[in-house]
Amino acid sequence: MLWLGGLITFATIVLWVYAFFDALTTPTQEIRNLPKILWMVVIVLFPAVGAILWLFLGRPYRSVPAQGDEPAQSDLGRSADDLDPSDFARPSDPSRPLGPDDDPEFLRDLNRRIDPDE
């Protein structure tokens, strides 16, 4: 029975630490229902209950796509038949090099560092 109490205590501490750092690192404009500072106070003062409340009421609904990215479409109701194979053949952003060996400026700088006399 003692191990069960220890397991519950450990799970509560892990949940509290996760909720605390998740609330701390979530951008202020994405937090729901309360200001960020109040969520931090609730999580600190009421460890188990505050962490659970944060997970269900405070966290953003979903991750916000980065600026310039297309929003993710819901996978509900989609199957492999809906996918277009040509979507996978196109590069995601042709204006940006894929790696350093594809970047002409990087290659010029590398040549200058290797042979500075040229």
PDB file of N, CA and C in Angstrom:
ATOM      1  N   MET A   1       0.818  -1.197   0.000  1.00  0.00           N
ATOM      2  CA  MET A   1       0.000   0.000   0.000  1.00  0.00           C
ATOM      3  C   MET A   1       0.861   1.260   0.000  1.00  0.00           C
ATOM      4  N   LEU A   2       2.017   1.173   0.607  1.00  0.00           N
ATOM      5  CA  LEU A   2       2.906   2.325   0.673  1.00  0.00           C
ATOM      6  C   LEU A   2       3.379   2.714  -0.731  1.00  0.00           C
ATOM      7  N   TRP A   3       3.645   1.702  -1.585  1.00  0.00           N
ATOM      8  CA  TRP A   3       4.114   2.003  -2.934  1.00  0.00           C
ATOM      9  C   TRP A   3       3.046   2.711  -3.754  1.00  0.00           C
ATOM     10  N   LEU A   4       1.763   2.422  -3.477  1.00  0.00           N
ATOM     11  CA  LEU A   4       0.677   3.082  -4.199  1.00  0.00           C
ATOM     12  C   LEU A   4       0.634   4.569  -3.847  1.00  0.00           C
ATOM     13  N   GLY A   5       0.817   4.865  -2.567  1.00  0.00           N
ATOM     14  CA  GLY A   5       0.870   6.270  -2.144  1.00  0.00           C
ATOM     15  C   GLY A   5       2.060   6.987  -2.760  1.00  0.00           C
ATOM     16  N   GLY A   6       3.189   6.301  -2.817  1.00  0.00           N
ATOM     17  CA  GLY A   6       4.375   6.885  -3.433  1.00  0.00           C
ATOM     18  C   GLY A   6       4.176   7.110  -4.926  1.00  0.00           C
ATOM     19  N   LEU A   7       3.507   6.173  -5.580  1.00  0.00           N
ATOM     20  CA  LEU A   7       3.236   6.298  -7.008  1.00  0.00           C
ATOM     21  C   LEU A   7       2.298   7.474  -7.296  1.00  0.00           C
ATOM     22  N   ILE A   8       1.279   7.618  -6.465  1.00  0.00           N
ATOM     23  CA  ILE A   8       0.341   8.741  -6.635  1.00  0.00           C
ATOM     24  C   ILE A   8       1.052  10.063  -6.377  1.00  0.00           C
ATOM     25  N   THR A   9       1.901  10.101  -5.359  1.00  0.00           N
ATOM     26  CA  THR A   9       2.664  11.319  -5.062  1.00  0.00           C
ATOM     27  C   THR A   9       3.596  11.660  -6.226  1.00  0.00           C
ATOM     28  N   PHE A  10       4.275  10.658  -6.755  1.00  0.00           N
ATOM     29  CA  PHE A  10       5.178  10.875  -7.887  1.00  0.00           C
ATOM     30  C   PHE A  10       4.411  11.381  -9.107  1.00  0.00           C
ATOM     31  N   ALA A  11       3.273  10.785  -9.401  1.00  0.00           N
ATOM     32  CA  ALA A  11       2.460  11.210 -10.543  1.00  0.00           C
ATOM     33  C   ALA A  11       1.974  12.646 -10.365  1.00  0.00           C
ATOM     34  N   THR A  12       1.602  13.004  -9.145  1.00  0.00           N
ATOM     35  CA  THR A  12       1.147  14.374  -8.863  1.00  0.00           C
ATOM     36  C   THR A  12       2.278  15.374  -9.075  1.00  0.00           C
ATOM     37  N   ILE A  13       3.473  15.013  -8.625  1.00  0.00           N
ATOM     38  CA  ILE A  13       4.626  15.915  -8.790  1.00  0.00           C
ATOM     39  C   ILE A  13       4.960  16.076 -10.267  1.00  0.00           C
ATOM     40  N   VAL A  14       4.945  14.979 -11.023  1.00  0.00           N
ATOM     41  CA  VAL A  14       5.234  15.057 -12.461  1.00  0.00           C
ATOM     42  C   VAL A  14       4.180  15.915 -13.161  1.00  0.00           C
ATOM     43  N   LEU A  15       2.919  15.720 -12.829  1.00  0.00           N
ATOM     44  CA  LEU A  15       1.839  16.513 -13.422  1.00  0.00           C
ATOM     45  C   LEU A  15       2.005  17.984 -13.081  1.00  0.00           C
ATOM     46  N   TRP A  16       2.347  18.270 -11.841  1.00  0.00           N
ATOM     47  CA  TRP A  16       2.519  19.662 -11.405  1.00  0.00           C
ATOM     48  C   TRP A  16       3.686  20.318 -12.146  1.00  0.00           C
ATOM     49  N   VAL A  17       4.811  19.625 -12.244  1.00  0.00           N
ATOM     50  CA  VAL A  17       5.980  20.191 -12.930  1.00  0.00           C
ATOM     51  C   VAL A  17       5.671  20.422 -14.407  1.00  0.00           C
ATOM     52  N   TYR A  18       5.005  19.445 -15.040  1.00  0.00           N
ATOM     53  CA  TYR A  18       4.642  19.600 -16.446  1.00  0.00           C
ATOM     54  C   TYR A  18       3.726  20.808 -16.638  1.00  0.00           C
ATOM     55  N   ALA A  19       2.686  20.903 -15.827  1.00  0.00           N
ATOM     56  CA  ALA A  19       1.734  22.008 -15.967  1.00  0.00           C
ATOM     57  C   ALA A  19       2.410  23.350 -15.698  1.00  0.00           C
ATOM     58  N   PHE A  20       3.276  23.402 -14.702  1.00  0.00           N
ATOM     59  CA  PHE A  20       3.952  24.645 -14.358  1.00  0.00           C
ATOM     60  C   PHE A  20       4.810  25.135 -15.523  1.00  0.00           C
ATOM     61  N   PHE A  21       5.645  24.253 -16.063  1.00  0.00           N
ATOM     62  CA  PHE A  21       6.522  24.670 -17.149  1.00  0.00           C
ATOM     63  C   PHE A  21       5.769  24.867 -18.461  1.00  0.00           C
ATOM     64  N   ASP A  22       4.696  24.132 -18.659  1.00  0.00           N
ATOM     65  CA  ASP A  22       3.875  24.346 -19.852  1.00  0.00           C
ATOM     66  C   ASP A  22       3.222  25.721 -19.794  1.00  0.00           C
ATOM     67  N   ALA A  23       2.685  26.083 -18.636  1.00  0.00           N
ATOM     68  CA  ALA A  23       2.074  27.403 -18.481  1.00  0.00           C
ATOM     69  C   ALA A  23       3.124  28.507 -18.580  1.00  0.00           C
ATOM     70  N   LEU A  24       4.299  28.244 -18.057  1.00  0.00           N
ATOM     71  CA  LEU A  24       5.369  29.230 -18.081  1.00  0.00           C
ATOM     72  C   LEU A  24       5.847  29.512 -19.503  1.00  0.00           C
ATOM     73  N   THR A  25       5.902  28.486 -20.341  1.00  0.00           N
ATOM     74  CA  THR A  25       6.442  28.654 -21.686  1.00  0.00           C
ATOM     75  C   THR A  25       5.382  28.943 -22.752  1.00  0.00           C
ATOM     76  N   THR A  26       4.111  28.843 -22.405  1.00  0.00           N
ATOM     77  CA  THR A  26       3.056  29.141 -23.372  1.00  0.00           C
ATOM     78  C   THR A  26       2.965  30.653 -23.570  1.00  0.00           C
ATOM     79  N   PRO A  27       2.928  31.124 -24.820  1.00  0.00           N
ATOM     80  CA  PRO A  27       2.798  32.565 -25.061  1.00  0.00           C
ATOM     81  C   PRO A  27       1.508  33.119 -24.436  1.00  0.00           C
ATOM     82  N   THR A  28       1.600  34.305 -23.894  1.00  0.00           N
ATOM     83  CA  THR A  28       0.489  34.920 -23.167  1.00  0.00           C
ATOM     84  C   THR A  28      -0.774  35.027 -24.005  1.00  0.00           C
ATOM     85  N   GLN A  29      -0.659  35.365 -25.271  1.00  0.00           N
ATOM     86  CA  GLN A  29      -1.844  35.567 -26.108  1.00  0.00           C
ATOM     87  C   GLN A  29      -2.570  34.271 -26.431  1.00  0.00           C
ATOM     88  N   GLU A  30      -1.971  33.112 -26.198  1.00  0.00           N
ATOM     89  CA  GLU A  30      -2.604  31.842 -26.511  1.00  0.00           C
ATOM     90  C   GLU A  30      -3.333  31.217 -25.320  1.00  0.00           C
ATOM     91  N   ILE A  31      -3.107  31.728 -24.122  1.00  0.00           N
ATOM     92  CA  ILE A  31      -3.690  31.146 -22.911  1.00  0.00           C
ATOM     93  C   ILE A  31      -5.168  31.499 -22.834  1.00  0.00           C
ATOM     94  N   ARG A  32      -5.965  30.522 -22.401  1.00  0.00           N
ATOM     95  CA  ARG A  32      -7.413  30.713 -22.336  1.00  0.00           C
ATOM     96  C   ARG A  32      -7.862  30.998 -20.900  1.00  0.00           C
ATOM     97  N   ASN A  33      -8.990  31.666 -20.765  1.00  0.00           N
ATOM     98  CA  ASN A  33      -9.801  31.859 -19.563  1.00  0.00           C
ATOM     99  C   ASN A  33      -9.222  32.752 -18.477  1.00  0.00           C
ATOM    100  N   LEU A  34      -7.949  32.734 -18.198  1.00  0.00           N
ATOM    101  CA  LEU A  34      -7.344  33.586 -17.172  1.00  0.00           C
ATOM    102  C   LEU A  34      -6.040  34.159 -17.706  1.00  0.00           C
ATOM    103  N   PRO A  35      -5.588  35.273 -17.131  1.00  0.00           N
ATOM    104  CA  PRO A  35      -4.258  35.770 -17.505  1.00  0.00           C
ATOM    105  C   PRO A  35      -3.178  34.782 -17.065  1.00  0.00           C
ATOM    106  N   LYS A  36      -2.050  34.860 -17.717  1.00  0.00           N
ATOM    107  CA  LYS A  36      -0.953  33.918 -17.462  1.00  0.00           C
ATOM    108  C   LYS A  36      -0.518  33.930 -16.006  1.00  0.00           C
ATOM    109  N   ILE A  37      -0.407  35.087 -15.410  1.00  0.00           N
ATOM    110  CA  ILE A  37       0.065  35.178 -14.018  1.00  0.00           C
ATOM    111  C   ILE A  37      -0.915  34.493 -13.063  1.00  0.00           C
ATOM    112  N   LEU A  38      -2.214  34.619 -13.334  1.00  0.00           N
ATOM    113  CA  LEU A  38      -3.196  33.947 -12.477  1.00  0.00           C
ATOM    114  C   LEU A  38      -3.120  32.427 -12.629  1.00  0.00           C
ATOM    115  N   TRP A  39      -2.872  31.954 -13.851  1.00  0.00           N
ATOM    116  CA  TRP A  39      -2.708  30.511 -14.034  1.00  0.00           C
ATOM    117  C   TRP A  39      -1.497  30.018 -13.253  1.00  0.00           C
ATOM    118  N   MET A  40      -0.420  30.795 -13.255  1.00  0.00           N
ATOM    119  CA  MET A  40       0.775  30.394 -12.508  1.00  0.00           C
ATOM    120  C   MET A  40       0.469  30.320 -11.007  1.00  0.00           C
ATOM    121  N   VAL A  41      -0.287  31.292 -10.506  1.00  0.00           N
ATOM    122  CA  VAL A  41      -0.648  31.297  -9.085  1.00  0.00           C
ATOM    123  C   VAL A  41      -1.531  30.092  -8.751  1.00  0.00           C
ATOM    124  N   VAL A  42      -2.506  29.807  -9.594  1.00  0.00           N
ATOM    125  CA  VAL A  42      -3.401  28.662  -9.358  1.00  0.00           C
ATOM    126  C   VAL A  42      -2.603  27.359  -9.352  1.00  0.00           C
ATOM    127  N   ILE A  43      -1.682  27.207 -10.277  1.00  0.00           N
ATOM    128  CA  ILE A  43      -0.889  25.977 -10.354  1.00  0.00           C
ATOM    129  C   ILE A  43       0.023  25.833  -9.145  1.00  0.00           C
ATOM    130  N   VAL A  44       0.587  26.929  -8.682  1.00  0.00           N
ATOM    131  CA  VAL A  44       1.494  26.860  -7.530  1.00  0.00           C
ATOM    132  C   VAL A  44       0.724  26.631  -6.230  1.00  0.00           C
ATOM    133  N   LEU A  45      -0.398  27.312  -6.034  1.00  0.00           N
ATOM    134  CA  LEU A  45      -1.136  27.201  -4.773  1.00  0.00           C
ATOM    135  C   LEU A  45      -1.924  25.898  -4.637  1.00  0.00           C
ATOM    136  N   PHE A  46      -2.423  25.388  -5.748  1.00  0.00           N
ATOM    137  CA  PHE A  46      -3.217  24.153  -5.728  1.00  0.00           C
ATOM    138  C   PHE A  46      -2.571  23.161  -6.695  1.00  0.00           C
ATOM    139  N   PRO A  47      -1.500  22.471  -6.260  1.00  0.00           N
ATOM    140  CA  PRO A  47      -0.698  21.676  -7.203  1.00  0.00           C
ATOM    141  C   PRO A  47      -1.494  20.693  -8.056  1.00  0.00           C
ATOM    142  N   ALA A  48      -2.233  19.784  -7.473  1.00  0.00           N
ATOM    143  CA  ALA A  48      -2.915  18.769  -8.280  1.00  0.00           C
ATOM    144  C   ALA A  48      -4.103  19.367  -9.031  1.00  0.00           C
ATOM    145  N   VAL A  49      -4.946  20.089  -8.331  1.00  0.00           N
ATOM    146  CA  VAL A  49      -6.151  20.662  -8.935  1.00  0.00           C
ATOM    147  C   VAL A  49      -5.773  21.751  -9.946  1.00  0.00           C
ATOM    148  N   GLY A  50      -4.810  22.583  -9.595  1.00  0.00           N
ATOM    149  CA  GLY A  50      -4.382  23.650 -10.503  1.00  0.00           C
ATOM    150  C   GLY A  50      -3.797  23.102 -11.789  1.00  0.00           C
ATOM    151  N   ALA A  51      -3.025  22.015 -11.685  1.00  0.00           N
ATOM    152  CA  ALA A  51      -2.438  21.413 -12.880  1.00  0.00           C
ATOM    153  C   ALA A  51      -3.521  20.825 -13.781  1.00  0.00           C
ATOM    154  N   ILE A  52      -4.482  20.164 -13.195  1.00  0.00           N
ATOM    155  CA  ILE A  52      -5.572  19.588 -13.986  1.00  0.00           C
ATOM    156  C   ILE A  52      -6.418  20.691 -14.626  1.00  0.00           C
ATOM    157  N   LEU A  53      -6.705  21.745 -13.853  1.00  0.00           N
ATOM    158  CA  LEU A  53      -7.447  22.869 -14.425  1.00  0.00           C
ATOM    159  C   LEU A  53      -6.692  23.500 -15.587  1.00  0.00           C
ATOM    160  N   TRP A  54      -5.368  23.643 -15.435  1.00  0.00           N
ATOM    161  CA  TRP A  54      -4.567  24.201 -16.517  1.00  0.00           C
ATOM    162  C   TRP A  54      -4.679  23.349 -17.779  1.00  0.00           C
ATOM    163  N   LEU A  55      -4.576  22.032 -17.620  1.00  0.00           N
ATOM    164  CA  LEU A  55      -4.615  21.153 -18.781  1.00  0.00           C
ATOM    165  C   LEU A  55      -5.947  21.218 -19.518  1.00  0.00           C
ATOM    166  N   PHE A  56      -7.036  21.366 -18.778  1.00  0.00           N
ATOM    167  CA  PHE A  56      -8.347  21.358 -19.422  1.00  0.00           C
ATOM    168  C   PHE A  56      -8.891  22.741 -19.761  1.00  0.00           C
ATOM    169  N   LEU A  57      -8.517  23.758 -19.000  1.00  0.00           N
ATOM    170  CA  LEU A  57      -9.121  25.075 -19.201  1.00  0.00           C
ATOM    171  C   LEU A  57      -8.158  26.171 -19.641  1.00  0.00           C
ATOM    172  N   GLY A  58      -6.867  25.980 -19.463  1.00  0.00           N
ATOM    173  CA  GLY A  58      -5.933  27.063 -19.732  1.00  0.00           C
ATOM    174  C   GLY A  58      -5.092  26.905 -20.972  1.00  0.00           C
ATOM    175  N   ARG A  59      -4.760  25.669 -21.316  1.00  0.00           N
ATOM    176  CA  ARG A  59      -3.900  25.434 -22.468  1.00  0.00           C
ATOM    177  C   ARG A  59      -4.575  25.870 -23.757  1.00  0.00           C
ATOM    178  N   PRO A  60      -3.781  26.241 -24.760  1.00  0.00           N
ATOM    179  CA  PRO A  60      -4.363  26.557 -26.072  1.00  0.00           C
ATOM    180  C   PRO A  60      -5.064  25.331 -26.646  1.00  0.00           C
ATOM    181  N   TYR A  61      -6.083  25.570 -27.470  1.00  0.00           N
ATOM    182  CA  TYR A  61      -6.829  24.464 -28.068  1.00  0.00           C
ATOM    183  C   TYR A  61      -5.940  23.556 -28.896  1.00  0.00           C
ATOM    184  N   ARG A  62      -5.098  24.162 -29.712  1.00  0.00           N
ATOM    185  CA  ARG A  62      -4.181  23.398 -30.560  1.00  0.00           C
ATOM    186  C   ARG A  62      -2.973  24.270 -30.797  1.00  0.00           C
ATOM    187  N   SER A  63      -1.934  23.668 -31.321  1.00  0.00           N
ATOM    188  CA  SER A  63      -0.750  24.462 -31.591  1.00  0.00           C
ATOM    189  C   SER A  63      -1.036  25.401 -32.758  1.00  0.00           C
ATOM    190  N   VAL A  64      -0.529  26.601 -32.650  1.00  0.00           N
ATOM    191  CA  VAL A  64      -0.728  27.615 -33.678  1.00  0.00           C
ATOM    192  C   VAL A  64       0.368  27.441 -34.712  1.00  0.00           C
ATOM    193  N   PRO A  65       0.030  27.367 -36.010  1.00  0.00           N
ATOM    194  CA  PRO A  65       1.065  27.202 -37.023  1.00  0.00           C
ATOM    195  C   PRO A  65       1.983  28.412 -37.068  1.00  0.00           C
ATOM    196  N   ALA A  66       3.227  28.175 -37.420  1.00  0.00           N
ATOM    197  CA  ALA A  66       4.193  29.261 -37.527  1.00  0.00           C
ATOM    198  C   ALA A  66       3.773  30.201 -38.644  1.00  0.00           C
ATOM    199  N   GLN A  67       4.249  31.433 -38.561  1.00  0.00           N
ATOM    200  CA  GLN A  67       3.880  32.428 -39.554  1.00  0.00           C
ATOM    201  C   GLN A  67       4.379  31.975 -40.927  1.00  0.00           C
ATOM    202  N   GLY A  68       3.504  31.999 -41.896  1.00  0.00           N
ATOM    203  CA  GLY A  68       3.849  31.578 -43.242  1.00  0.00           C
ATOM    204  C   GLY A  68       3.467  30.139 -43.528  1.00  0.00           C
ATOM    205  N   ASP A  69       3.233  29.338 -42.494  1.00  0.00           N
ATOM    206  CA  ASP A  69       2.812  27.958 -42.706  1.00  0.00           C
ATOM    207  C   ASP A  69       1.318  27.919 -42.946  1.00  0.00           C
ATOM    208  N   GLU A  70       0.893  26.918 -43.683  1.00  0.00           N
ATOM    209  CA  GLU A  70      -0.535  26.737 -43.879  1.00  0.00           C
ATOM    210  C   GLU A  70      -1.097  26.043 -42.659  1.00  0.00           C
ATOM    211  N   PRO A  71      -2.306  26.383 -42.231  1.00  0.00           N
ATOM    212  CA  PRO A  71      -2.881  25.703 -41.075  1.00  0.00           C
ATOM    213  C   PRO A  71      -3.094  24.226 -41.377  1.00  0.00           C
ATOM    214  N   ALA A  72      -2.874  23.416 -40.356  1.00  0.00           N
ATOM    215  CA  ALA A  72      -3.042  21.970 -40.523  1.00  0.00           C
ATOM    216  C   ALA A  72      -4.512  21.638 -40.691  1.00  0.00           C
ATOM    217  N   GLN A  73      -4.815  20.759 -41.638  1.00  0.00           N
ATOM    218  CA  GLN A  73      -6.196  20.343 -41.839  1.00  0.00           C
ATOM    219  C   GLN A  73      -6.486  19.174 -40.933  1.00  0.00           C
ATOM    220  N   SER A  74      -7.706  19.063 -40.524  1.00  0.00           N
ATOM    221  CA  SER A  74      -8.108  17.967 -39.653  1.00  0.00           C
ATOM    222  C   SER A  74      -8.002  16.650 -40.395  1.00  0.00           C
ATOM    223  N   ASP A  75      -7.518  15.637 -39.699  1.00  0.00           N
ATOM    224  CA  ASP A  75      -7.385  14.321 -40.303  1.00  0.00           C
ATOM    225  C   ASP A  75      -8.667  13.513 -40.181  1.00  0.00           C
ATOM    226  N   LEU A  76      -9.699  14.084 -39.542  1.00  0.00           N
ATOM    227  CA  LEU A  76     -10.943  13.355 -39.396  1.00  0.00           C
ATOM    228  C   LEU A  76     -11.608  13.204 -40.755  1.00  0.00           C
ATOM    229  N   GLY A  77     -12.005  12.003 -41.075  1.00  0.00           N
ATOM    230  CA  GLY A  77     -12.701  11.761 -42.318  1.00  0.00           C
ATOM    231  C   GLY A  77     -11.801  11.688 -43.535  1.00  0.00           C
ATOM    232  N   ARG A  78     -10.495  11.771 -43.345  1.00  0.00           N
ATOM    233  CA  ARG A  78      -9.572  11.700 -44.477  1.00  0.00           C
ATOM    234  C   ARG A  78      -9.011  10.293 -44.575  1.00  0.00           C
ATOM    235  N   SER A  79      -8.739   9.886 -45.772  1.00  0.00           N
ATOM    236  CA  SER A  79      -8.122   8.588 -45.984  1.00  0.00           C
ATOM    237  C   SER A  79      -6.962   8.760 -46.955  1.00  0.00           C
ATOM    238  N   ALA A  80      -6.254   7.679 -47.218  1.00  0.00           N
ATOM    239  CA  ALA A  80      -5.133   7.730 -48.145  1.00  0.00           C
ATOM    240  C   ALA A  80      -5.604   8.038 -49.562  1.00  0.00           C
ATOM    241  N   ASP A  81      -6.872   7.769 -49.856  1.00  0.00           N
ATOM    242  CA  ASP A  81      -7.408   8.054 -51.184  1.00  0.00           C
ATOM    243  C   ASP A  81      -7.496   9.554 -51.458  1.00  0.00           C
ATOM    244  N   ASP A  82      -7.561  10.371 -50.395  1.00  0.00           N
ATOM    245  CA  ASP A  82      -7.672  11.818 -50.545  1.00  0.00           C
ATOM    246  C   ASP A  82      -6.329  12.486 -50.829  1.00  0.00           C
ATOM    247  N   LEU A  83      -5.226  11.761 -50.654  1.00  0.00           N
ATOM    248  CA  LEU A  83      -3.904  12.346 -50.830  1.00  0.00           C
ATOM    249  C   LEU A  83      -3.532  12.378 -52.309  1.00  0.00           C
ATOM    250  N   ASP A  84      -2.848  13.440 -52.685  1.00  0.00           N
ATOM    251  CA  ASP A  84      -2.382  13.589 -54.055  1.00  0.00           C
ATOM    252  C   ASP A  84      -0.875  13.329 -54.064  1.00  0.00           C
ATOM    253  N   PRO A  85      -0.384  12.339 -54.810  1.00  0.00           N
ATOM    254  CA  PRO A  85       1.044  12.029 -54.809  1.00  0.00           C
ATOM    255  C   PRO A  85       1.904  13.197 -55.267  1.00  0.00           C
ATOM    256  N   SER A  86       1.376  14.087 -56.093  1.00  0.00           N
ATOM    257  CA  SER A  86       2.187  15.216 -56.551  1.00  0.00           C
ATOM    258  C   SER A  86       2.487  16.198 -55.421  1.00  0.00           C
ATOM    259  N   ASP A  87       1.703  16.176 -54.339  1.00  0.00           N
ATOM    260  CA  ASP A  87       1.986  17.049 -53.205  1.00  0.00           C
ATOM    261  C   ASP A  87       3.312  16.696 -52.546  1.00  0.00           C
ATOM    262  N   PHE A  88       3.698  15.435 -52.604  1.00  0.00           N
ATOM    263  CA  PHE A  88       4.917  15.007 -51.951  1.00  0.00           C
ATOM    264  C   PHE A  88       6.149  15.255 -52.810  1.00  0.00           C
ATOM    265  N   ALA A  89       5.969  15.457 -54.093  1.00  0.00           N
ATOM    266  CA  ALA A  89       7.091  15.669 -54.995  1.00  0.00           C
ATOM    267  C   ALA A  89       7.542  17.128 -55.003  1.00  0.00           C
ATOM    268  N   ARG A  90       6.653  18.046 -54.650  1.00  0.00           N
ATOM    269  CA  ARG A  90       6.991  19.465 -54.667  1.00  0.00           C
ATOM    270  C   ARG A  90       7.802  19.842 -53.443  1.00  0.00           C
ATOM    271  N   PRO A  91       8.845  20.670 -53.601  1.00  0.00           N
ATOM    272  CA  PRO A  91       9.545  21.182 -52.423  1.00  0.00           C
ATOM    273  C   PRO A  91       8.629  22.144 -51.671  1.00  0.00           C
ATOM    274  N   SER A  92       8.778  22.197 -50.372  1.00  0.00           N
ATOM    275  CA  SER A  92       7.887  23.015 -49.565  1.00  0.00           C
ATOM    276  C   SER A  92       8.113  24.504 -49.792  1.00  0.00           C
ATOM    277  N   ASP A  93       9.363  24.931 -49.950  1.00  0.00           N
ATOM    278  CA  ASP A  93       9.661  26.349 -50.167  1.00  0.00           C
ATOM    279  C   ASP A  93      10.836  26.450 -51.135  1.00  0.00           C
ATOM    280  N   PRO A  94      10.561  26.591 -52.428  1.00  0.00           N
ATOM    281  CA  PRO A  94      11.647  26.570 -53.412  1.00  0.00           C
ATOM    282  C   PRO A  94      12.594  27.763 -53.307  1.00  0.00           C
ATOM    283  N   SER A  95      12.199  28.850 -52.642  1.00  0.00           N
ATOM    284  CA  SER A  95      13.065  30.017 -52.555  1.00  0.00           C
ATOM    285  C   SER A  95      14.158  29.851 -51.508  1.00  0.00           C
ATOM    286  N   ARG A  96      14.019  28.885 -50.641  1.00  0.00           N
ATOM    287  CA  ARG A  96      14.990  28.686 -49.570  1.00  0.00           C
ATOM    288  C   ARG A  96      15.778  27.401 -49.837  1.00  0.00           C
ATOM    289  N   PRO A  97      17.121  27.425 -49.697  1.00  0.00           N
ATOM    290  CA  PRO A  97      17.909  26.208 -49.895  1.00  0.00           C
ATOM    291  C   PRO A  97      17.522  25.142 -48.871  1.00  0.00           C
ATOM    292  N   LEU A  98      17.621  23.881 -49.283  1.00  0.00           N
ATOM    293  CA  LEU A  98      17.280  22.783 -48.391  1.00  0.00           C
ATOM    294  C   LEU A  98      18.381  22.502 -47.377  1.00  0.00           C
ATOM    295  N   GLY A  99      19.619  22.685 -47.753  1.00  0.00           N
ATOM    296  CA  GLY A  99      20.735  22.416 -46.850  1.00  0.00           C
ATOM    297  C   GLY A  99      21.890  23.337 -47.179  1.00  0.00           C
ATOM    298  N   PRO A 100      22.931  23.321 -46.353  1.00  0.00           N
ATOM    299  CA  PRO A 100      24.053  24.235 -46.603  1.00  0.00           C
ATOM    300  C   PRO A 100      24.747  23.962 -47.934  1.00  0.00           C
ATOM    301  N   ASP A 101      24.772  22.715 -48.383  1.00  0.00           N
ATOM    302  CA  ASP A 101      25.434  22.426 -49.646  1.00  0.00           C
ATOM    303  C   ASP A 101      24.617  22.888 -50.848  1.00  0.00           C
ATOM    304  N   ASP A 102      23.359  23.301 -50.640  1.00  0.00           N
ATOM    305  CA  ASP A 102      22.528  23.846 -51.711  1.00  0.00           C
ATOM    306  C   ASP A 102      22.564  25.370 -51.750  1.00  0.00           C
ATOM    307  N   ASP A 103      23.201  25.985 -50.769  1.00  0.00           N
ATOM    308  CA  ASP A 103      23.227  27.438 -50.657  1.00  0.00           C
ATOM    309  C   ASP A 103      24.498  27.977 -51.311  1.00  0.00           C
ATOM    310  N   PRO A 104      24.376  28.693 -52.444  1.00  0.00           N
ATOM    311  CA  PRO A 104      25.572  29.180 -53.139  1.00  0.00           C
ATOM    312  C   PRO A 104      26.411  30.132 -52.293  1.00  0.00           C
ATOM    313  N   GLU A 105      25.778  30.954 -51.483  1.00  0.00           N
ATOM    314  CA  GLU A 105      26.532  31.889 -50.634  1.00  0.00           C
ATOM    315  C   GLU A 105      27.370  31.122 -49.606  1.00  0.00           C
ATOM    316  N   PHE A 106      26.823  30.087 -49.038  1.00  0.00           N
ATOM    317  CA  PHE A 106      27.565  29.262 -48.085  1.00  0.00           C
ATOM    318  C   PHE A 106      28.770  28.615 -48.772  1.00  0.00           C
ATOM    319  N   LEU A 107      28.579  28.113 -49.975  1.00  0.00           N
ATOM    320  CA  LEU A 107      29.671  27.464 -50.700  1.00  0.00           C
ATOM    321  C   LEU A 107      30.767  28.466 -51.050  1.00  0.00           C
ATOM    322  N   ARG A 108      30.396  29.692 -51.447  1.00  0.00           N
ATOM    323  CA  ARG A 108      31.403  30.716 -51.722  1.00  0.00           C
ATOM    324  C   ARG A 108      32.191  31.053 -50.466  1.00  0.00           C
ATOM    325  N   ASP A 109      31.497  31.210 -49.358  1.00  0.00           N
ATOM    326  CA  ASP A 109      32.171  31.518 -48.088  1.00  0.00           C
ATOM    327  C   ASP A 109      33.092  30.375 -47.675  1.00  0.00           C
ATOM    328  N   LEU A 110      32.670  29.149 -47.905  1.00  0.00           N
ATOM    329  CA  LEU A 110      33.491  27.987 -47.576  1.00  0.00           C
ATOM    330  C   LEU A 110      34.744  27.968 -48.422  1.00  0.00           C
ATOM    331  N   ASN A 111      34.612  28.276 -49.723  1.00  0.00           N
ATOM    332  CA  ASN A 111      35.787  28.346 -50.592  1.00  0.00           C
ATOM    333  C   ASN A 111      36.738  29.448 -50.157  1.00  0.00           C
ATOM    334  N   ARG A 112      36.208  30.589 -49.713  1.00  0.00           N
ATOM    335  CA  ARG A 112      37.059  31.680 -49.225  1.00  0.00           C
ATOM    336  C   ARG A 112      37.814  31.255 -47.978  1.00  0.00           C
ATOM    337  N   ARG A 113      37.172  30.501 -47.101  1.00  0.00           N
ATOM    338  CA  ARG A 113      37.850  30.054 -45.875  1.00  0.00           C
ATOM    339  C   ARG A 113      38.901  28.995 -46.167  1.00  0.00           C
ATOM    340  N   ILE A 114      38.640  28.127 -47.154  1.00  0.00           N
ATOM    341  CA  ILE A 114      39.593  27.061 -47.486  1.00  0.00           C
ATOM    342  C   ILE A 114      40.814  27.648 -48.202  1.00  0.00           C
ATOM    343  N   ASP A 115      40.592  28.510 -49.176  1.00  0.00           N
ATOM    344  CA  ASP A 115      41.677  29.078 -49.956  1.00  0.00           C
ATOM    345  C   ASP A 115      41.530  30.593 -49.962  1.00  0.00           C
ATOM    346  N   PRO A 116      42.071  31.275 -48.956  1.00  0.00           N
ATOM    347  CA  PRO A 116      41.885  32.739 -48.876  1.00  0.00           C
ATOM    348  C   PRO A 116      42.650  33.519 -49.940  1.00  0.00           C
ATOM    349  N   ASP A 117      43.599  32.894 -50.661  1.00  0.00           N
ATOM    350  CA  ASP A 117      44.359  33.610 -51.673  1.00  0.00           C
ATOM    351  C   ASP A 117      43.580  33.883 -52.945  1.00  0.00           C
ATOM    352  N   GLU A 118      42.560  33.128 -53.213  1.00  0.00           N
ATOM    353  CA  GLU A 118      41.800  33.298 -54.454  1.00  0.00           C
ATOM    354  C   GLU A 118      40.874  34.459 -54.405  1.00  0.00           C
TER     355      GLU A 118
END
